[in-house]
Every structure is written in structure tokens, then in C-alpha cells.
Amino acid sequence: MATLNTAANFSDPDKRYFRAFSPGDDFYEALIDAHRELSDAQSALLNARLILLLANHIGDLNVVREALSIAREDV
């Protein structure tokens, strides 16, 4: 059974990074750029679509359930 990887795990095979956190920074920048100039409703829709796309990519329902459980903690 797969378990959710909660450690930093971003990479870009086409880039060479000098700091371990840089790929995560690139992801955050891409996420913010995707939301730029969207209304709150459009931003919520983007998030929902992104979640469904990534959950489908993961494919393992046990991992998706674990991610949902962790995401819901302290909300």
C-alpha cells in the first residue's frame, strides 16, 4: 500500500537547482501565477479542477484519502 509523501518532492528535470527549496519556490510561483487576475469564484474553480486532475494522476485512492485527511486537519 502506498502512503502519501509529505516531504518536499518537487523537481524539474530540465533545470539544475543549487538550493533544495528552489523547485518548491518555482511551484509556488506557478500556482500564484495561475490565480493572478481571477475572481474568488474563478480561483475556487481552478483549485477544484487542479485537485481533481492531481487526484486522478495519483490514482491510488488510499493515498488520495490520506491527503484529504491531512488537508482537513485543523481546518
PDB file of N, CA and C in Angstrom:
ATOM      1  N   MET A   1       0.837  -1.176   0.000  1.00  0.00           N
ATOM      2  CA  MET A   1       0.000   0.000   0.000  1.00  0.00           C
ATOM      3  C   MET A   1       0.885   1.244   0.000  1.00  0.00           C
ATOM      4  N   ALA A   2       0.617   2.162  -0.904  1.00  0.00           N
ATOM      5  CA  ALA A   2       1.367   3.420  -0.977  1.00  0.00           C
ATOM      6  C   ALA A   2       0.922   4.356   0.140  1.00  0.00           C
ATOM      7  N   THR A   3       1.826   5.166   0.580  1.00  0.00           N
ATOM      8  CA  THR A   3       1.482   6.192   1.557  1.00  0.00           C
ATOM      9  C   THR A   3       1.845   7.544   0.974  1.00  0.00           C
ATOM     10  N   LEU A   4       1.180   8.552   1.487  1.00  0.00           N
ATOM     11  CA  LEU A   4       1.360   9.914   0.998  1.00  0.00           C
ATOM     12  C   LEU A   4       2.744  10.425   1.357  1.00  0.00           C
ATOM     13  N   ASN A   5       3.443  10.952   0.383  1.00  0.00           N
ATOM     14  CA  ASN A   5       4.748  11.570   0.602  1.00  0.00           C
ATOM     15  C   ASN A   5       4.515  13.025   0.991  1.00  0.00           C
ATOM     16  N   THR A   6       4.815  13.384   2.225  1.00  0.00           N
ATOM     17  CA  THR A   6       4.612  14.761   2.680  1.00  0.00           C
ATOM     18  C   THR A   6       5.922  15.544   2.742  1.00  0.00           C
ATOM     19  N   ALA A   7       7.019  14.921   2.367  1.00  0.00           N
ATOM     20  CA  ALA A   7       8.304  15.630   2.301  1.00  0.00           C
ATOM     21  C   ALA A   7       8.371  16.421   0.994  1.00  0.00           C
ATOM     22  N   ALA A   8       9.150  17.482   1.002  1.00  0.00           N
ATOM     23  CA  ALA A   8       9.329  18.269  -0.224  1.00  0.00           C
ATOM     24  C   ALA A   8       9.773  17.335  -1.347  1.00  0.00           C
ATOM     25  N   ASN A   9       9.068  17.402  -2.485  1.00  0.00           N
ATOM     26  CA  ASN A   9       9.297  16.412  -3.531  1.00  0.00           C
ATOM     27  C   ASN A   9       9.219  17.030  -4.929  1.00  0.00           C
ATOM     28  N   PHE A  10       9.419  18.318  -5.041  1.00  0.00           N
ATOM     29  CA  PHE A  10       9.324  18.973  -6.337  1.00  0.00           C
ATOM     30  C   PHE A  10      10.647  18.862  -7.080  1.00  0.00           C
ATOM     31  N   SER A  11      10.549  18.705  -8.382  1.00  0.00           N
ATOM     32  CA  SER A  11      11.745  18.707  -9.212  1.00  0.00           C
ATOM     33  C   SER A  11      11.356  19.144 -10.617  1.00  0.00           C
ATOM     34  N   ASP A  12      12.338  19.558 -11.345  1.00  0.00           N
ATOM     35  CA  ASP A  12      12.172  19.898 -12.749  1.00  0.00           C
ATOM     36  C   ASP A  12      13.383  19.303 -13.462  1.00  0.00           C
ATOM     37  N   PRO A  13      13.187  18.207 -14.198  1.00  0.00           N
ATOM     38  CA  PRO A  13      14.325  17.530 -14.802  1.00  0.00           C
ATOM     39  C   PRO A  13      15.099  18.397 -15.791  1.00  0.00           C
ATOM     40  N   ASP A  14      14.487  19.477 -16.267  1.00  0.00           N
ATOM     41  CA  ASP A  14      15.153  20.351 -17.232  1.00  0.00           C
ATOM     42  C   ASP A  14      15.960  21.458 -16.573  1.00  0.00           C
ATOM     43  N   LYS A  15      15.941  21.527 -15.232  1.00  0.00           N
ATOM     44  CA  LYS A  15      16.640  22.587 -14.518  1.00  0.00           C
ATOM     45  C   LYS A  15      17.620  22.009 -13.516  1.00  0.00           C
ATOM     46  N   ARG A  16      18.657  22.752 -13.280  1.00  0.00           N
ATOM     47  CA  ARG A  16      19.605  22.394 -12.232  1.00  0.00           C
ATOM     48  C   ARG A  16      19.445  23.406 -11.105  1.00  0.00           C
ATOM     49  N   TYR A  17      19.170  22.919  -9.912  1.00  0.00           N
ATOM     50  CA  TYR A  17      18.933  23.783  -8.761  1.00  0.00           C
ATOM     51  C   TYR A  17      20.125  23.746  -7.811  1.00  0.00           C
ATOM     52  N   PHE A  18      20.409  24.888  -7.215  1.00  0.00           N
ATOM     53  CA  PHE A  18      21.510  24.982  -6.257  1.00  0.00           C
ATOM     54  C   PHE A  18      21.014  24.935  -4.821  1.00  0.00           C
ATOM     55  N   ARG A  19      19.713  25.093  -4.624  1.00  0.00           N
ATOM     56  CA  ARG A  19      19.118  25.019  -3.290  1.00  0.00           C
ATOM     57  C   ARG A  19      17.968  24.028  -3.339  1.00  0.00           C
ATOM     58  N   ALA A  20      17.834  23.228  -2.295  1.00  0.00           N
ATOM     59  CA  ALA A  20      16.810  22.172  -2.257  1.00  0.00           C
ATOM     60  C   ALA A  20      15.395  22.732  -2.312  1.00  0.00           C
ATOM     61  N   PHE A  21      15.185  23.954  -1.797  1.00  0.00           N
ATOM     62  CA  PHE A  21      13.830  24.506  -1.754  1.00  0.00           C
ATOM     63  C   PHE A  21      13.424  25.201  -3.052  1.00  0.00           C
ATOM     64  N   SER A  22      14.345  25.420  -3.961  1.00  0.00           N
ATOM     65  CA  SER A  22      14.040  26.175  -5.185  1.00  0.00           C
ATOM     66  C   SER A  22      12.932  25.563  -6.038  1.00  0.00           C
ATOM     67  N   PRO A  23      12.877  24.238  -6.244  1.00  0.00           N
ATOM     68  CA  PRO A  23      11.757  23.694  -7.028  1.00  0.00           C
ATOM     69  C   PRO A  23      10.405  23.985  -6.374  1.00  0.00           C
ATOM     70  N   GLY A  24      10.349  23.959  -5.052  1.00  0.00           N
ATOM     71  CA  GLY A  24       9.110  24.306  -4.354  1.00  0.00           C
ATOM     72  C   GLY A  24       8.747  25.759  -4.570  1.00  0.00           C
ATOM     73  N   ASP A  25       9.751  26.626  -4.586  1.00  0.00           N
ATOM     74  CA  ASP A  25       9.507  28.042  -4.882  1.00  0.00           C
ATOM     75  C   ASP A  25       8.958  28.205  -6.295  1.00  0.00           C
ATOM     76  N   ASP A  26       9.494  27.448  -7.243  1.00  0.00           N
ATOM     77  CA  ASP A  26       9.002  27.511  -8.621  1.00  0.00           C
ATOM     78  C   ASP A  26       7.552  27.051  -8.705  1.00  0.00           C
ATOM     79  N   PHE A  27       7.212  25.994  -7.962  1.00  0.00           N
ATOM     80  CA  PHE A  27       5.816  25.539  -7.931  1.00  0.00           C
ATOM     81  C   PHE A  27       4.914  26.626  -7.370  1.00  0.00           C
ATOM     82  N   TYR A  28       5.320  27.224  -6.250  1.00  0.00           N
ATOM     83  CA  TYR A  28       4.506  28.263  -5.616  1.00  0.00           C
ATOM     84  C   TYR A  28       4.307  29.428  -6.575  1.00  0.00           C
ATOM     85  N   GLU A  29       5.348  29.824  -7.281  1.00  0.00           N
ATOM     86  CA  GLU A  29       5.239  30.922  -8.243  1.00  0.00           C
ATOM     87  C   GLU A  29       4.255  30.562  -9.357  1.00  0.00           C
ATOM     88  N   ALA A  30       4.327  29.331  -9.856  1.00  0.00           N
ATOM     89  CA  ALA A  30       3.400  28.891 -10.910  1.00  0.00           C
ATOM     90  C   ALA A  30       1.961  28.871 -10.401  1.00  0.00           C
ATOM     91  N   LEU A  31       1.773  28.443  -9.152  1.00  0.00           N
ATOM     92  CA  LEU A  31       0.430  28.411  -8.569  1.00  0.00           C
ATOM     93  C   LEU A  31      -0.134  29.819  -8.426  1.00  0.00           C
ATOM     94  N   ILE A  32       0.670  30.743  -7.922  1.00  0.00           N
ATOM     95  CA  ILE A  32       0.229  32.132  -7.778  1.00  0.00           C
ATOM     96  C   ILE A  32      -0.064  32.737  -9.144  1.00  0.00           C
ATOM     97  N   ASP A  33       0.793  32.482 -10.120  1.00  0.00           N
ATOM     98  CA  ASP A  33       0.562  32.996 -11.475  1.00  0.00           C
ATOM     99  C   ASP A  33      -0.742  32.468 -12.058  1.00  0.00           C
ATOM    100  N   ALA A  34      -1.063  31.209 -11.791  1.00  0.00           N
ATOM    101  CA  ALA A  34      -2.305  30.620 -12.309  1.00  0.00           C
ATOM    102  C   ALA A  34      -3.533  31.318 -11.730  1.00  0.00           C
ATOM    103  N   HIS A  35      -3.420  31.839 -10.512  1.00  0.00           N
ATOM    104  CA  HIS A  35      -4.548  32.501  -9.852  1.00  0.00           C
ATOM    105  C   HIS A  35      -4.615  34.004 -10.130  1.00  0.00           C
ATOM    106  N   ARG A  36      -3.554  34.561 -10.700  1.00  0.00           N
ATOM    107  CA  ARG A  36      -3.487  36.003 -10.928  1.00  0.00           C
ATOM    108  C   ARG A  36      -4.650  36.476 -11.790  1.00  0.00           C
ATOM    109  N   GLU A  37      -5.280  37.545 -11.346  1.00  0.00           N
ATOM    110  CA  GLU A  37      -6.380  38.224 -12.045  1.00  0.00           C
ATOM    111  C   GLU A  37      -7.658  37.397 -12.134  1.00  0.00           C
ATOM    112  N   LEU A  38      -7.776  36.343 -11.325  1.00  0.00           N
ATOM    113  CA  LEU A  38      -9.029  35.583 -11.270  1.00  0.00           C
ATOM    114  C   LEU A  38      -9.886  36.113 -10.131  1.00  0.00           C
ATOM    115  N   SER A  39     -11.190  36.023 -10.306  1.00  0.00           N
ATOM    116  CA  SER A  39     -12.100  36.351  -9.215  1.00  0.00           C
ATOM    117  C   SER A  39     -12.008  35.250  -8.160  1.00  0.00           C
ATOM    118  N   ASP A  40     -12.589  35.488  -6.988  1.00  0.00           N
ATOM    119  CA  ASP A  40     -12.593  34.454  -5.953  1.00  0.00           C
ATOM    120  C   ASP A  40     -13.267  33.184  -6.454  1.00  0.00           C
ATOM    121  N   ALA A  41     -14.373  33.341  -7.184  1.00  0.00           N
ATOM    122  CA  ALA A  41     -15.101  32.175  -7.703  1.00  0.00           C
ATOM    123  C   ALA A  41     -14.253  31.428  -8.738  1.00  0.00           C
ATOM    124  N   GLN A  42     -13.582  32.151  -9.624  1.00  0.00           N
ATOM    125  CA  GLN A  42     -12.724  31.516 -10.622  1.00  0.00           C
ATOM    126  C   GLN A  42     -11.540  30.815  -9.958  1.00  0.00           C
ATOM    127  N   SER A  43     -10.991  31.440  -8.922  1.00  0.00           N
ATOM    128  CA  SER A  43      -9.877  30.845  -8.186  1.00  0.00           C
ATOM    129  C   SER A  43     -10.301  29.548  -7.504  1.00  0.00           C
ATOM    130  N   ALA A  44     -11.485  29.541  -6.910  1.00  0.00           N
ATOM    131  CA  ALA A  44     -12.007  28.330  -6.271  1.00  0.00           C
ATOM    132  C   ALA A  44     -12.215  27.230  -7.314  1.00  0.00           C
ATOM    133  N   LEU A  45     -12.714  27.598  -8.488  1.00  0.00           N
ATOM    134  CA  LEU A  45     -12.918  26.622  -9.566  1.00  0.00           C
ATOM    135  C   LEU A  45     -11.578  26.071 -10.052  1.00  0.00           C
ATOM    136  N   LEU A  46     -10.587  26.928 -10.194  1.00  0.00           N
ATOM    137  CA  LEU A  46      -9.251  26.475 -10.574  1.00  0.00           C
ATOM    138  C   LEU A  46      -8.717  25.479  -9.556  1.00  0.00           C
ATOM    139  N   ASN A  47      -8.850  25.792  -8.265  1.00  0.00           N
ATOM    140  CA  ASN A  47      -8.393  24.875  -7.220  1.00  0.00           C
ATOM    141  C   ASN A  47      -9.097  23.534  -7.309  1.00  0.00           C
ATOM    142  N   ALA A  48     -10.409  23.561  -7.497  1.00  0.00           N
ATOM    143  CA  ALA A  48     -11.184  22.321  -7.575  1.00  0.00           C
ATOM    144  C   ALA A  48     -10.733  21.477  -8.770  1.00  0.00           C
ATOM    145  N   ARG A  49     -10.544  22.111  -9.909  1.00  0.00           N
ATOM    146  CA  ARG A  49     -10.112  21.379 -11.105  1.00  0.00           C
ATOM    147  C   ARG A  49      -8.707  20.816 -10.918  1.00  0.00           C
ATOM    148  N   LEU A  50      -7.834  21.610 -10.310  1.00  0.00           N
ATOM    149  CA  LEU A  50      -6.468  21.153 -10.063  1.00  0.00           C
ATOM    150  C   LEU A  50      -6.454  19.951  -9.131  1.00  0.00           C
ATOM    151  N   ILE A  51      -7.260  20.001  -8.077  1.00  0.00           N
ATOM    152  CA  ILE A  51      -7.345  18.881  -7.137  1.00  0.00           C
ATOM    153  C   ILE A  51      -7.809  17.611  -7.855  1.00  0.00           C
ATOM    154  N   LEU A  52      -8.832  17.728  -8.674  1.00  0.00           N
ATOM    155  CA  LEU A  52      -9.339  16.557  -9.385  1.00  0.00           C
ATOM    156  C   LEU A  52      -8.316  16.008 -10.379  1.00  0.00           C
ATOM    157  N   LEU A  53      -7.631  16.891 -11.092  1.00  0.00           N
ATOM    158  CA  LEU A  53      -6.601  16.440 -12.033  1.00  0.00           C
ATOM    159  C   LEU A  53      -5.461  15.720 -11.315  1.00  0.00           C
ATOM    160  N   LEU A  54      -4.989  16.294 -10.217  1.00  0.00           N
ATOM    161  CA  LEU A  54      -3.877  15.681  -9.494  1.00  0.00           C
ATOM    162  C   LEU A  54      -4.300  14.388  -8.797  1.00  0.00           C
ATOM    163  N   ALA A  55      -5.519  14.350  -8.255  1.00  0.00           N
ATOM    164  CA  ALA A  55      -6.023  13.120  -7.637  1.00  0.00           C
ATOM    165  C   ALA A  55      -6.116  12.008  -8.684  1.00  0.00           C
ATOM    166  N   ASN A  56      -6.573  12.349  -9.872  1.00  0.00           N
ATOM    167  CA  ASN A  56      -6.643  11.359 -10.947  1.00  0.00           C
ATOM    168  C   ASN A  56      -5.245  10.894 -11.334  1.00  0.00           C
ATOM    169  N   HIS A  57      -4.292  11.806 -11.360  1.00  0.00           N
ATOM    170  CA  HIS A  57      -2.915  11.440 -11.696  1.00  0.00           C
ATOM    171  C   HIS A  57      -2.323  10.493 -10.646  1.00  0.00           C
ATOM    172  N   ILE A  58      -2.600  10.768  -9.369  1.00  0.00           N
ATOM    173  CA  ILE A  58      -2.135   9.880  -8.290  1.00  0.00           C
ATOM    174  C   ILE A  58      -2.766   8.511  -8.457  1.00  0.00           C
ATOM    175  N   GLY A  59      -4.083   8.494  -8.618  1.00  0.00           N
ATOM    176  CA  GLY A  59      -4.786   7.262  -8.925  1.00  0.00           C
ATOM    177  C   GLY A  59      -5.043   6.322  -7.758  1.00  0.00           C
ATOM    178  N   ASP A  60      -4.196   6.317  -6.776  1.00  0.00           N
ATOM    179  CA  ASP A  60      -4.323   5.413  -5.623  1.00  0.00           C
ATOM    180  C   ASP A  60      -5.273   6.054  -4.608  1.00  0.00           C
ATOM    181  N   LEU A  61      -6.472   5.470  -4.471  1.00  0.00           N
ATOM    182  CA  LEU A  61      -7.482   6.061  -3.587  1.00  0.00           C
ATOM    183  C   LEU A  61      -7.039   6.118  -2.130  1.00  0.00           C
ATOM    184  N   ASN A  62      -6.221   5.163  -1.699  1.00  0.00           N
ATOM    185  CA  ASN A  62      -5.723   5.220  -0.322  1.00  0.00           C
ATOM    186  C   ASN A  62      -4.850   6.453  -0.110  1.00  0.00           C
ATOM    187  N   VAL A  63      -4.016   6.779  -1.075  1.00  0.00           N
ATOM    188  CA  VAL A  63      -3.162   7.962  -0.979  1.00  0.00           C
ATOM    189  C   VAL A  63      -4.019   9.227  -1.028  1.00  0.00           C
ATOM    190  N   VAL A  64      -5.002   9.249  -1.910  1.00  0.00           N
ATOM    191  CA  VAL A  64      -5.885  10.415  -2.011  1.00  0.00           C
ATOM    192  C   VAL A  64      -6.661  10.606  -0.707  1.00  0.00           C
ATOM    193  N   ARG A  65      -7.167   9.527  -0.125  1.00  0.00           N
ATOM    194  CA  ARG A  65      -7.880   9.632   1.153  1.00  0.00           C
ATOM    195  C   ARG A  65      -6.961  10.148   2.258  1.00  0.00           C
ATOM    196  N   GLU A  66      -5.728   9.673   2.278  1.00  0.00           N
ATOM    197  CA  GLU A  66      -4.761  10.145   3.278  1.00  0.00           C
ATOM    198  C   GLU A  66      -4.491  11.641   3.087  1.00  0.00           C
ATOM    199  N   ALA A  67      -4.342  12.082   1.845  1.00  0.00           N
ATOM    200  CA  ALA A  67      -4.119  13.503   1.556  1.00  0.00           C
ATOM    201  C   ALA A  67      -5.318  14.334   2.013  1.00  0.00           C
ATOM    202  N   LEU A  68      -6.521  13.851   1.751  1.00  0.00           N
ATOM    203  CA  LEU A  68      -7.726  14.571   2.170  1.00  0.00           C
ATOM    204  C   LEU A  68      -7.796  14.679   3.692  1.00  0.00           C
ATOM    205  N   SER A  69      -7.457  13.612   4.363  1.00  0.00           N
ATOM    206  CA  SER A  69      -7.480  13.612   5.821  1.00  0.00           C
ATOM    207  C   SER A  69      -6.466  14.608   6.399  1.00  0.00           C
ATOM    208  N   ILE A  70      -5.244  14.584   5.865  1.00  0.00           N
ATOM    209  CA  ILE A  70      -4.217  15.515   6.344  1.00  0.00           C
ATOM    210  C   ILE A  70      -4.593  16.956   6.017  1.00  0.00           C
ATOM    211  N   ALA A  71      -5.133  17.184   4.819  1.00  0.00           N
ATOM    212  CA  ALA A  71      -5.525  18.541   4.434  1.00  0.00           C
ATOM    213  C   ALA A  71      -6.637  19.100   5.312  1.00  0.00           C
ATOM    214  N   ARG A  72      -7.478  18.220   5.815  1.00  0.00           N
ATOM    215  CA  ARG A  72      -8.608  18.654   6.639  1.00  0.00           C
ATOM    216  C   ARG A  72      -8.223  18.942   8.091  1.00  0.00           C
ATOM    217  N   GLU A  73      -7.088  18.443   8.526  1.00  0.00           N
ATOM    218  CA  GLU A  73      -6.642  18.668   9.909  1.00  0.00           C
ATOM    219  C   GLU A  73      -6.569  20.169  10.196  1.00  0.00           C
ATOM    220  N   ASP A  74      -7.079  20.558  11.339  1.00  0.00           N
ATOM    221  CA  ASP A  74      -7.022  21.939  11.814  1.00  0.00           C
ATOM    222  C   ASP A  74      -7.735  22.951  10.922  1.00  0.00           C
ATOM    223  N   VAL A  75      -8.665  22.484  10.086  1.00  0.00           N
ATOM    224  CA  VAL A  75      -9.439  23.413   9.240  1.00  0.00           C
ATOM    225  C   VAL A  75     -10.723  23.740   9.960  1.00  0.00           C
TER     226      VAL A  75
END
